[in-house]
N, C-alpha and C. Protein backbone atom coordinates (compact mmCIF):
# COMPACT_ATOMS: atom_id res chain seq x y z
N MET A 1 1.06 -1.30 -0.10
CA MET A 1 0.00 0.08 -0.10
C MET A 1 0.93 1.21 0.06
N LEU A 2 2.26 1.14 0.47
CA LEU A 2 3.05 2.40 0.60
C LEU A 2 4.15 1.88 -0.27
N GLY A 3 4.40 3.04 -1.30
CA GLY A 3 5.68 2.78 -2.20
C GLY A 3 6.87 3.00 -1.40
N LEU A 4 8.10 3.74 -2.18
CA LEU A 4 9.26 3.53 -1.72
C LEU A 4 9.62 5.41 -1.48
N PHE A 5 8.83 6.22 -1.89
CA PHE A 5 8.89 7.54 -1.82
C PHE A 5 7.98 8.29 -0.64
N GLY A 6 8.02 7.82 0.21
CA GLY A 6 6.78 8.65 1.20
C GLY A 6 7.91 9.89 1.61
N SER A 7 7.39 10.28 2.42
CA SER A 7 8.07 11.95 2.83
C SER A 7 7.91 11.96 4.47
N GLY A 8 8.59 12.60 5.15
CA GLY A 8 8.33 13.00 6.69
C GLY A 8 8.80 11.94 7.44
N SER A 9 8.16 12.05 8.81
CA SER A 9 8.35 11.08 9.75
C SER A 9 7.08 10.54 10.27
N PRO A 10 6.96 9.20 10.27
CA PRO A 10 5.64 9.09 10.69
C PRO A 10 5.09 9.38 12.06
N ASN A 11 3.36 9.49 12.15
CA ASN A 11 2.75 9.77 13.46
C ASN A 11 1.70 8.89 13.45
N ASP A 12 0.91 9.45 14.21
CA ASP A 12 -0.58 8.64 14.74
C ASP A 12 -1.38 8.45 13.52
N ASN A 13 -1.23 9.58 12.91
CA ASN A 13 -2.48 10.11 11.61
C ASN A 13 -1.64 8.63 10.73
N THR A 14 -0.37 8.80 10.28
CA THR A 14 0.19 7.95 9.27
C THR A 14 -0.47 6.67 10.07
N ASP A 15 -0.13 6.25 10.89
CA ASP A 15 -0.60 4.65 11.36
C ASP A 15 -1.90 4.36 11.18
N ARG A 16 -2.73 5.63 11.37
CA ARG A 16 -4.27 5.38 11.13
C ARG A 16 -4.78 5.29 9.29
N MET A 17 -3.97 6.03 8.72
CA MET A 17 -4.21 6.01 7.18
C MET A 17 -3.79 4.58 6.58
N THR A 18 -2.34 4.03 6.83
CA THR A 18 -2.05 2.87 6.37
C THR A 18 -2.97 2.11 7.39
N THR A 19 -3.28 1.77 8.58
CA THR A 19 -4.39 0.58 8.42
C THR A 19 -5.74 0.78 7.91
N TYR A 20 -6.24 1.86 7.63
CA TYR A 20 -7.49 2.33 6.89
C TYR A 20 -7.08 1.42 5.38
N SER A 21 -5.90 2.02 4.84
CA SER A 21 -5.56 1.67 3.17
C SER A 21 -5.20 0.07 3.16
N GLY A 22 -4.84 -0.44 4.33
CA GLY A 22 -4.67 -2.35 4.27
C GLY A 22 -5.75 -2.70 4.58
N MET A 23 -6.63 -2.09 5.35
CA MET A 23 -8.24 -2.88 5.67
C MET A 23 -8.89 -2.77 3.99
N HIS A 24 -8.96 -1.77 3.47
CA HIS A 24 -9.72 -1.63 2.46
C HIS A 24 -8.71 -1.83 0.84
N ASP A 25 -7.65 -2.33 1.06
CA ASP A 25 -7.04 -2.83 0.00
C ASP A 25 -6.74 -1.42 -1.03
N HIS A 26 -6.31 -0.51 -0.41
CA HIS A 26 -6.18 0.85 -1.17
C HIS A 26 -4.58 1.01 -1.10
N THR A 27 -4.12 1.58 -2.23
CA THR A 27 -2.50 2.31 -2.47
C THR A 27 -2.59 3.61 -2.22
N VAL A 28 -1.54 4.12 -1.43
CA VAL A 28 -1.32 5.68 -1.31
C VAL A 28 -0.70 6.02 -2.43
N LEU A 29 -0.84 7.12 -3.53
CA LEU A 29 -0.35 7.09 -4.70
C LEU A 29 0.81 7.92 -4.40
N GLY A 30 0.87 8.94 -3.42
CA GLY A 30 1.81 10.00 -3.44
C GLY A 30 3.40 9.05 -3.04
N SER A 31 3.19 7.93 -2.38
CA SER A 31 4.50 7.29 -1.90
C SER A 31 5.23 6.64 -3.25
N TRP A 32 4.42 6.62 -4.29
CA TRP A 32 4.78 5.74 -5.18
C TRP A 32 5.93 6.55 -6.29
N PHE A 33 5.77 7.84 -6.59
CA PHE A 33 6.60 8.63 -7.39
C PHE A 33 7.34 9.60 -6.62
N ARG A 34 8.68 9.43 -7.46
CA ARG A 34 9.52 10.36 -7.02
C ARG A 34 9.54 11.70 -7.58
N ARG A 35 9.40 12.89 -6.51
CA ARG A 35 9.14 14.06 -6.75
C ARG A 35 10.00 15.33 -6.29
N LEU A 36 10.17 16.17 -6.86
CA LEU A 36 11.13 17.59 -5.83
C LEU A 36 10.30 17.59 -4.70
N ASP A 37 10.72 18.14 -3.63
CA ASP A 37 10.03 18.67 -2.51
C ASP A 37 9.21 19.68 -2.91
N VAL A 38 9.22 20.71 -3.82
CA VAL A 38 8.27 21.80 -4.22
C VAL A 38 7.16 21.06 -4.86
N ARG A 39 6.95 19.84 -5.56
CA ARG A 39 5.93 19.32 -5.67
C ARG A 39 5.41 17.93 -5.22
N ARG A 40 5.95 18.12 -3.57
CA ARG A 40 5.20 16.98 -2.69
C ARG A 40 4.48 17.62 -1.54
N TRP A 41 4.87 18.53 -1.12
CA TRP A 41 4.38 19.44 -0.16
C TRP A 41 2.91 19.99 -0.37
N THR A 42 1.87 19.41 0.36
CA THR A 42 0.57 20.03 0.00
C THR A 42 -0.18 20.86 1.15
N TRP A 43 0.83 21.35 1.94
CA TRP A 43 0.29 22.23 3.02
C TRP A 43 1.32 22.72 3.65
N TYR A 44 1.04 24.41 3.46
CA TYR A 44 2.04 24.96 4.24
C TYR A 44 1.62 26.18 5.21
N SER A 45 1.97 26.12 6.29
CA SER A 45 2.04 27.09 7.41
C SER A 45 1.93 28.41 6.96
N ASN A 46 1.31 29.07 7.83
CA ASN A 46 1.51 30.80 8.11
C ASN A 46 2.66 31.11 8.25
N ASP A 47 3.69 30.46 9.00
CA ASP A 47 4.86 30.76 9.56
C ASP A 47 6.02 30.77 8.47
N GLY A 48 5.87 30.11 7.44
CA GLY A 48 6.63 30.24 5.77
C GLY A 48 7.50 29.08 5.91
N PHE A 49 7.46 28.14 7.11
CA PHE A 49 8.53 27.21 7.24
C PHE A 49 8.19 25.69 7.40
N THR A 50 7.02 25.79 8.01
CA THR A 50 6.67 24.26 8.27
C THR A 50 5.68 23.84 7.13
N LYS A 51 6.16 22.93 6.39
CA LYS A 51 5.34 22.19 5.25
C LYS A 51 5.10 20.64 5.61
N LYS A 52 4.23 20.17 4.89
CA LYS A 52 3.58 18.50 5.21
C LYS A 52 3.10 18.49 4.04
N GLU A 53 3.31 16.88 4.18
CA GLU A 53 2.48 16.32 2.81
C GLU A 53 1.18 15.60 3.62
N ILE A 54 -0.13 16.11 3.73
CA ILE A 54 -1.10 15.81 4.39
C ILE A 54 -2.21 15.59 3.23
N ASP A 55 -2.40 15.80 2.01
CA ASP A 55 -3.46 15.32 1.52
C ASP A 55 -3.01 14.19 0.26
N HIS A 56 -3.71 13.26 0.27
CA HIS A 56 -3.19 11.93 -0.50
C HIS A 56 -4.29 11.17 -1.49
N PHE A 57 -3.98 11.14 -2.74
CA PHE A 57 -5.08 10.20 -3.26
C PHE A 57 -4.59 8.45 -2.90
N LEU A 58 -6.06 8.01 -2.62
CA LEU A 58 -5.97 6.16 -2.36
C LEU A 58 -6.75 5.81 -3.52
N THR A 59 -6.13 4.56 -4.09
CA THR A 59 -6.75 4.14 -5.24
C THR A 59 -6.83 2.53 -4.87
N ARG A 60 -7.60 1.57 -5.44
CA ARG A 60 -7.47 0.48 -5.47
C ARG A 60 -6.55 -0.20 -6.70
N GLN A 61 -6.50 0.59 -7.59
CA GLN A 61 -5.49 0.11 -8.76
C GLN A 61 -4.03 0.28 -8.51
N ARG A 62 -3.24 -0.79 -8.31
CA ARG A 62 -1.79 -1.17 -7.82
C ARG A 62 -0.96 -0.86 -9.35
N ASP A 63 -1.76 -0.78 -10.63
CA ASP A 63 -1.16 -0.57 -11.77
C ASP A 63 -0.58 0.67 -11.93
N ARG A 64 0.72 0.62 -12.15
CA ARG A 64 1.46 2.38 -12.43
C ARG A 64 1.33 2.27 -13.52
N GLY A 65 0.79 1.77 -14.43
CA GLY A 65 0.66 2.44 -15.85
C GLY A 65 -0.85 3.21 -16.06
N LEU A 66 -1.44 2.86 -15.19
CA LEU A 66 -3.33 3.80 -14.82
C LEU A 66 -2.65 5.22 -14.59
N ILE A 67 -1.59 5.33 -13.40
CA ILE A 67 -1.45 6.69 -13.01
C ILE A 67 -0.24 7.12 -13.73
N LYS A 68 -0.31 8.34 -14.30
CA LYS A 68 1.12 8.67 -15.12
C LYS A 68 1.61 9.85 -14.11
N SER A 69 1.27 10.48 -13.50
CA SER A 69 1.85 11.42 -12.65
C SER A 69 1.37 11.77 -11.46
N TYR A 70 1.64 12.48 -10.37
CA TYR A 70 1.21 12.64 -9.18
C TYR A 70 1.95 14.18 -8.75
N ARG A 71 1.47 15.11 -8.45
CA ARG A 71 2.10 16.31 -8.08
C ARG A 71 1.11 17.32 -7.68
N THR A 72 1.55 18.37 -7.39
CA THR A 72 1.13 19.51 -6.64
C THR A 72 1.10 20.84 -7.53
N VAL A 73 0.19 21.51 -7.65
CA VAL A 73 -0.07 22.62 -8.38
C VAL A 73 0.10 23.99 -7.36
N ARG A 74 1.39 24.60 -7.08
CA ARG A 74 1.31 25.72 -6.22
C ARG A 74 0.59 27.14 -6.93
N SER A 75 0.40 27.24 -7.98
CA SER A 75 0.14 28.13 -8.80
C SER A 75 -1.63 28.43 -8.73
N ALA A 76 -2.34 27.39 -8.70
CA ALA A 76 -3.69 27.31 -8.39
C ALA A 76 -4.08 27.74 -6.93
N GLU A 77 -5.24 28.57 -7.29
CA GLU A 77 -5.92 29.02 -6.12
C GLU A 77 -7.13 28.72 -5.45
N SER A 78 -7.56 28.37 -4.49
CA SER A 78 -9.03 27.97 -4.19
C SER A 78 -9.54 29.17 -3.89
N PRO A 79 -10.96 28.93 -4.31
CA PRO A 79 -11.94 30.31 -3.90
C PRO A 79 -12.13 30.42 -2.41
N ALA A 80 -11.64 29.40 -1.61
CA ALA A 80 -11.90 29.37 -0.15
C ALA A 80 -10.84 29.83 0.93
N ASN A 81 -9.83 30.59 0.04
CA ASN A 81 -8.49 31.16 0.56
C ASN A 81 -7.63 30.04 1.73
N SER A 82 -7.51 28.58 1.17
CA SER A 82 -7.04 28.16 2.01
C SER A 82 -5.46 27.88 1.89
N ASP A 83 -5.10 26.94 2.86
CA ASP A 83 -3.44 27.12 3.02
C ASP A 83 -3.03 25.56 2.37
N HIS A 84 -3.88 24.89 1.90
CA HIS A 84 -3.52 23.83 1.12
C HIS A 84 -3.34 24.23 -0.38
N VAL A 85 -2.71 23.35 -0.96
CA VAL A 85 -2.25 23.01 -2.45
C VAL A 85 -2.89 22.22 -3.53
N LEU A 86 -3.43 22.44 -4.59
CA LEU A 86 -4.06 21.93 -5.31
C LEU A 86 -3.17 20.57 -5.51
N LEU A 87 -3.82 19.35 -5.54
CA LEU A 87 -3.08 17.88 -5.66
C LEU A 87 -3.54 17.54 -7.14
N VAL A 88 -2.95 17.20 -7.85
CA VAL A 88 -3.18 16.58 -9.07
C VAL A 88 -2.67 15.13 -9.33
N ALA A 89 -3.59 14.39 -10.22
CA ALA A 89 -3.17 13.13 -10.45
C ALA A 89 -3.28 12.85 -12.04
N GLU A 90 -2.43 12.53 -12.68
CA GLU A 90 -2.96 12.30 -14.32
C GLU A 90 -3.20 10.87 -14.41
N LEU A 91 -4.15 10.75 -14.74
CA LEU A 91 -4.60 9.17 -15.03
C LEU A 91 -4.59 8.90 -16.60
N SER A 92 -4.60 7.44 -16.97
CA SER A 92 -4.33 7.04 -18.53
C SER A 92 -5.22 6.07 -18.42
N LEU A 93 -6.57 6.09 -18.91
CA LEU A 93 -7.47 5.35 -19.27
C LEU A 93 -7.75 4.83 -20.48
N THR A 94 -7.91 3.59 -20.88
CA THR A 94 -8.04 2.77 -22.00
C THR A 94 -9.40 2.47 -21.87
N LEU A 95 -10.29 2.71 -22.85
CA LEU A 95 -11.72 2.39 -22.73
C LEU A 95 -12.03 0.72 -23.64
N LEU A 96 -12.76 0.20 -22.90
CA LEU A 96 -12.76 -0.83 -23.78
C LEU A 96 -13.91 -0.99 -24.89
N LYS A 97 -14.27 -1.77 -25.98
CA LYS A 97 -15.12 -1.56 -26.86
C LYS A 97 -16.04 -2.33 -26.48
N PRO A 98 -17.40 -1.91 -26.36
CA PRO A 98 -18.61 -2.73 -26.18
C PRO A 98 -18.64 -4.20 -26.89
N ARG A 99 -18.65 -5.52 -26.35
CA ARG A 99 -18.86 -6.58 -26.89
C ARG A 99 -19.92 -6.73 -27.63
N LYS A 100 -19.76 -7.36 -29.11
CA LYS A 100 -20.86 -7.29 -30.25
C LYS A 100 -21.66 -8.86 -29.29
N THR A 101 -22.99 -8.79 -29.69
CA THR A 101 -23.52 -9.98 -29.46
C THR A 101 -23.56 -10.83 -30.66
N PRO A 102 -23.63 -11.89 -30.81
CA PRO A 102 -23.47 -12.82 -31.99
C PRO A 102 -24.82 -12.65 -32.77
N SER A 103 -24.72 -12.42 -33.93
CA SER A 103 -26.40 -12.30 -34.65
C SER A 103 -26.59 -13.41 -35.36
N LEU A 104 -27.57 -13.55 -35.38
CA LEU A 104 -28.27 -14.86 -36.40
C LEU A 104 -27.97 -14.64 -37.99
N PRO A 105 -27.40 -15.87 -38.62
CA PRO A 105 -27.10 -15.78 -39.90
C PRO A 105 -28.51 -15.48 -40.62
N TRP A 106 -28.26 -14.42 -41.73
CA TRP A 106 -29.52 -14.42 -42.43
C TRP A 106 -29.89 -15.56 -43.35
N PRO A 107 -31.06 -15.65 -43.83
CA PRO A 107 -31.41 -16.61 -44.68
C PRO A 107 -30.90 -16.44 -45.96
N ASP A 108 -30.84 -17.37 -46.81
CA ASP A 108 -30.44 -17.10 -48.24
C ASP A 108 -31.54 -16.98 -49.48
N VAL A 109 -32.22 -15.45 -49.02
CA VAL A 109 -33.07 -14.89 -49.53
C VAL A 109 -32.98 -15.06 -51.33
N ALA A 110 -31.65 -14.85 -51.81
CA ALA A 110 -31.84 -14.78 -53.41
C ALA A 110 -31.86 -16.40 -53.73
N ARG A 111 -31.49 -17.37 -53.00
CA ARG A 111 -32.13 -18.68 -53.37
C ARG A 111 -33.63 -18.96 -52.97
N LEU A 112 -34.12 -18.23 -52.18
CA LEU A 112 -35.88 -18.32 -52.20
C LEU A 112 -36.40 -17.73 -53.25
N VAL A 113 -35.75 -16.53 -53.86
CA VAL A 113 -36.49 -15.76 -54.60
C VAL A 113 -36.41 -16.58 -56.25
N GLN A 114 -35.40 -17.53 -56.52
CA GLN A 114 -35.21 -17.77 -57.85
C GLN A 114 -35.78 -19.10 -57.66
N ASP A 115 -36.13 -20.12 -56.70
CA ASP A 115 -36.47 -21.14 -56.84
C ASP A 115 -37.95 -21.49 -56.20
N ALA A 116 -38.99 -21.59 -57.15
CA ALA A 116 -40.43 -21.71 -57.17
C ALA A 116 -40.83 -22.68 -55.93
N GLU A 117 -40.35 -24.25 -56.26
CA GLU A 117 -40.48 -24.95 -55.34
C GLU A 117 -39.79 -24.34 -53.92
N LEU A 118 -39.25 -23.97 -53.74
CA LEU A 118 -38.53 -23.80 -52.17
C LEU A 118 -39.81 -22.60 -51.71
N GLN A 119 -39.97 -21.31 -52.46
CA GLN A 119 -41.20 -20.72 -52.12
C GLN A 119 -42.35 -21.22 -51.58
N ASP A 120 -42.76 -22.21 -52.41
CA ASP A 120 -43.67 -23.31 -52.08
C ASP A 120 -43.95 -24.15 -50.43
N LEU A 121 -42.39 -24.60 -50.53
CA LEU A 121 -42.57 -25.38 -49.31
C LEU A 121 -42.31 -24.40 -48.15
N TYR A 122 -41.67 -23.16 -48.12
CA TYR A 122 -41.61 -22.05 -47.16
C TYR A 122 -42.74 -21.60 -46.82
N ASN A 123 -43.67 -21.44 -47.79
CA ASN A 123 -44.90 -20.89 -47.17
C ASN A 123 -45.91 -21.78 -46.41
N ILE A 124 -45.66 -23.04 -46.87
CA ILE A 124 -46.04 -24.13 -46.35
C ILE A 124 -45.97 -24.25 -44.80
N THR A 125 -44.67 -24.07 -44.55
CA THR A 125 -43.89 -24.18 -43.39
C THR A 125 -44.49 -23.36 -42.55
N VAL A 126 -44.66 -21.82 -43.04
CA VAL A 126 -44.66 -20.64 -42.24
C VAL A 126 -46.28 -20.87 -41.64
N GLN A 127 -47.41 -21.22 -42.89
CA GLN A 127 -48.69 -21.61 -42.74
C GLN A 127 -48.95 -22.46 -41.61
N ASN A 128 -48.28 -23.86 -41.51
CA ASN A 128 -48.27 -24.61 -40.50
C ASN A 128 -48.05 -24.04 -39.16
N LYS A 129 -46.87 -23.62 -38.95
CA LYS A 129 -46.43 -23.04 -37.56
C LYS A 129 -47.59 -21.81 -37.32
N PHE A 130 -47.80 -21.05 -38.12
CA PHE A 130 -48.83 -19.59 -37.59
C PHE A 130 -49.94 -20.76 -37.38
N ALA A 131 -50.50 -21.76 -37.53
CA ALA A 131 -51.70 -22.52 -37.33
C ALA A 131 -51.73 -23.04 -36.02
N SER A 132 -50.60 -23.78 -35.59
CA SER A 132 -50.34 -24.03 -34.39
C SER A 132 -50.36 -22.82 -33.19
N SER A 133 -49.41 -21.69 -33.76
CA SER A 133 -49.22 -20.92 -32.67
C SER A 133 -50.28 -19.71 -32.58
N LEU A 134 -50.92 -19.56 -33.43
CA LEU A 134 -51.69 -18.04 -33.46
C LEU A 134 -53.09 -18.28 -32.51
N GLY A 135 -53.51 -19.36 -32.19
CA GLY A 135 -54.25 -19.42 -31.35
C GLY A 135 -53.97 -19.18 -29.65
N VAL A 136 -52.62 -19.36 -29.50
CA VAL A 136 -52.13 -19.08 -28.22
C VAL A 136 -51.12 -17.59 -28.09
N LEU A 137 -51.38 -16.87 -28.79
CA LEU A 137 -50.45 -15.65 -28.76
C LEU A 137 -50.98 -14.89 -27.49
N PRO A 138 -49.66 -14.19 -27.01
CA PRO A 138 -50.12 -13.77 -25.69
C PRO A 138 -50.29 -12.20 -25.80
N ASP A 139 -50.96 -11.49 -24.52
CA ASP A 139 -51.94 -10.11 -24.81
C ASP A 139 -50.63 -9.02 -25.19
N ASP A 140 -49.63 -9.32 -24.66
CA ASP A 140 -48.55 -8.59 -24.80
C ASP A 140 -47.91 -8.33 -26.02
N LEU A 141 -47.94 -6.95 -26.26
CA LEU A 141 -47.21 -7.03 -27.73
C LEU A 141 -45.92 -7.33 -27.94
N GLU A 142 -44.68 -7.18 -27.07
CA GLU A 142 -43.59 -7.54 -27.16
C GLU A 142 -43.51 -8.94 -27.53
N GLU A 143 -44.26 -10.10 -26.47
CA GLU A 143 -44.22 -10.93 -26.57
C GLU A 143 -44.81 -11.74 -27.88
N SER A 144 -46.18 -10.89 -27.99
CA SER A 144 -46.04 -11.57 -29.59
C SER A 144 -45.58 -11.17 -30.95
N TRP A 145 -45.00 -10.16 -30.72
CA TRP A 145 -43.75 -9.69 -31.96
C TRP A 145 -42.71 -10.93 -31.85
N THR A 146 -42.13 -11.38 -30.37
CA THR A 146 -41.29 -12.21 -30.51
C THR A 146 -41.90 -13.51 -30.92
N SER A 147 -42.56 -14.07 -30.57
CA SER A 147 -43.02 -15.43 -30.92
C SER A 147 -43.22 -15.37 -32.65
N PHE A 148 -43.79 -14.01 -33.49
CA PHE A 148 -44.12 -14.01 -34.39
C PHE A 148 -42.76 -14.15 -35.26
N LEU A 149 -41.45 -13.33 -34.55
CA LEU A 149 -40.44 -13.54 -35.05
C LEU A 149 -40.04 -14.91 -35.22
N HIS A 150 -40.17 -15.58 -34.30
CA HIS A 150 -39.53 -16.86 -33.79
C HIS A 150 -40.21 -17.79 -34.87
N VAL A 151 -41.55 -17.56 -35.35
CA VAL A 151 -41.95 -18.71 -36.48
C VAL A 151 -41.45 -18.24 -37.85
N ILE A 152 -41.21 -17.10 -38.17
CA ILE A 152 -40.56 -16.61 -39.31
C ILE A 152 -39.32 -16.87 -39.39
N ARG A 153 -38.21 -16.80 -38.41
CA ARG A 153 -36.67 -17.45 -38.26
C ARG A 153 -36.77 -18.87 -38.34
N SER A 154 -37.37 -19.29 -37.59
CA SER A 154 -37.64 -20.76 -37.33
C SER A 154 -37.58 -21.55 -38.84
N SER A 155 -38.63 -20.94 -39.14
CA SER A 155 -39.17 -21.50 -40.85
C SER A 155 -37.67 -21.11 -41.95
N ALA A 156 -37.33 -20.35 -41.96
CA ALA A 156 -36.27 -19.86 -42.69
C ALA A 156 -35.18 -20.69 -42.42
N GLU A 157 -34.60 -20.96 -41.28
CA GLU A 157 -33.71 -21.61 -41.22
C GLU A 157 -34.04 -23.39 -41.44
N GLU A 158 -34.96 -23.69 -41.43
CA GLU A 158 -35.37 -25.14 -41.55
C GLU A 158 -35.33 -25.07 -43.26
N VAL A 159 -36.38 -24.46 -43.91
CA VAL A 159 -36.33 -24.35 -45.29
C VAL A 159 -35.38 -24.02 -46.16
N ILE A 160 -34.76 -22.77 -45.79
CA ILE A 160 -34.07 -21.79 -46.59
C ILE A 160 -32.48 -22.29 -46.36
N GLY A 161 -32.11 -22.08 -45.11
CA GLY A 161 -30.79 -22.35 -44.78
C GLY A 161 -29.94 -20.95 -45.04
N PRO A 162 -29.09 -20.90 -44.19
CA PRO A 162 -28.26 -19.78 -44.08
C PRO A 162 -27.39 -19.18 -45.21
N ALA A 163 -27.22 -17.90 -45.72
CA ALA A 163 -26.74 -17.41 -47.08
C ALA A 163 -25.33 -17.79 -46.79
N ARG A 164 -24.74 -17.99 -47.60
CA ARG A 164 -23.13 -18.35 -47.90
C ARG A 164 -22.57 -16.97 -48.25
N ARG A 165 -21.64 -16.46 -46.99
CA ARG A 165 -20.80 -14.96 -47.23
C ARG A 165 -20.13 -14.98 -48.66
N VAL A 166 -20.39 -13.87 -49.21
CA VAL A 166 -19.39 -13.95 -50.76
C VAL A 166 -18.26 -12.89 -50.37
N ARG A 167 -17.25 -13.36 -49.96
CA ARG A 167 -16.13 -12.35 -49.77
C ARG A 167 -15.57 -11.72 -50.99
N ILE A 168 -16.02 -12.17 -52.18
CA ILE A 168 -15.42 -11.42 -53.48
C ILE A 168 -16.50 -11.09 -54.30
N PRO A 169 -16.82 -9.67 -53.86
CA PRO A 169 -18.21 -9.30 -54.78
C PRO A 169 -18.25 -8.99 -56.07
N TRP A 170 -17.06 -9.13 -56.75
CA TRP A 170 -17.09 -8.93 -58.13
C TRP A 170 -17.29 -10.27 -59.00
N LEU A 171 -17.05 -11.49 -58.29
CA LEU A 171 -17.20 -12.78 -58.91
C LEU A 171 -18.91 -13.19 -58.68
N SER A 172 -19.56 -13.74 -59.87
CA SER A 172 -20.60 -14.01 -59.96
C SER A 172 -20.73 -15.29 -59.19
N THR A 173 -22.10 -15.68 -58.81
CA THR A 173 -22.42 -16.78 -57.76
C THR A 173 -22.00 -18.31 -58.27
N ASP A 174 -22.25 -18.24 -60.01
CA ASP A 174 -21.72 -19.30 -60.83
C ASP A 174 -20.36 -19.57 -60.66
N THR A 175 -19.49 -18.40 -60.61
CA THR A 175 -18.04 -18.66 -60.87
C THR A 175 -17.57 -19.03 -59.16
N ILE A 176 -18.41 -18.81 -57.94
CA ILE A 176 -17.98 -19.25 -56.69
C ILE A 176 -18.39 -20.52 -56.48
N ALA A 177 -19.80 -20.91 -57.30
CA ALA A 177 -19.60 -22.19 -57.20
C ALA A 177 -18.57 -23.38 -57.98
N PHE A 178 -18.33 -22.81 -59.04
CA PHE A 178 -17.45 -23.77 -59.87
C PHE A 178 -15.84 -23.63 -59.03
N LEU A 179 -15.69 -22.66 -58.19
CA LEU A 179 -14.63 -22.88 -57.56
C LEU A 179 -14.54 -23.69 -56.43
């Protein structure tokens, strides 16, 4: 939880913070970065000599690639006229792409358009499935649409089959079949 570059002498507050960090699996970021003293101190006393590192960032990420830098910015003023100095940590986040849900293969509609026997067989299959499920349609519109879609898709899968992907669009289907 503590790195190699902590500052000052430990006291009761240091023990409390390290105990809290240890219990909650936190890391104290300021102790992992080597900095100049002018970038380390977060509190300056009014006497002009006393300075302490009392403000810290705690994180559960121990990956040092996530946090790029950690320092104080002395030129930034707070509207509350505080004796604390602004503490800044620069993070490097990588966003993940959302996972695609696998889609169902499309039926070979071109084959259905060209073959009259296949059209008749598909029509008969759809009519038979609708005859068996139309009397039991649910009252909810979404559920009705889902059952309708299931009948159409299952009939297309049984009768037509999935379309073959043509990766070379300038070749005709006859040439691809010949290959």
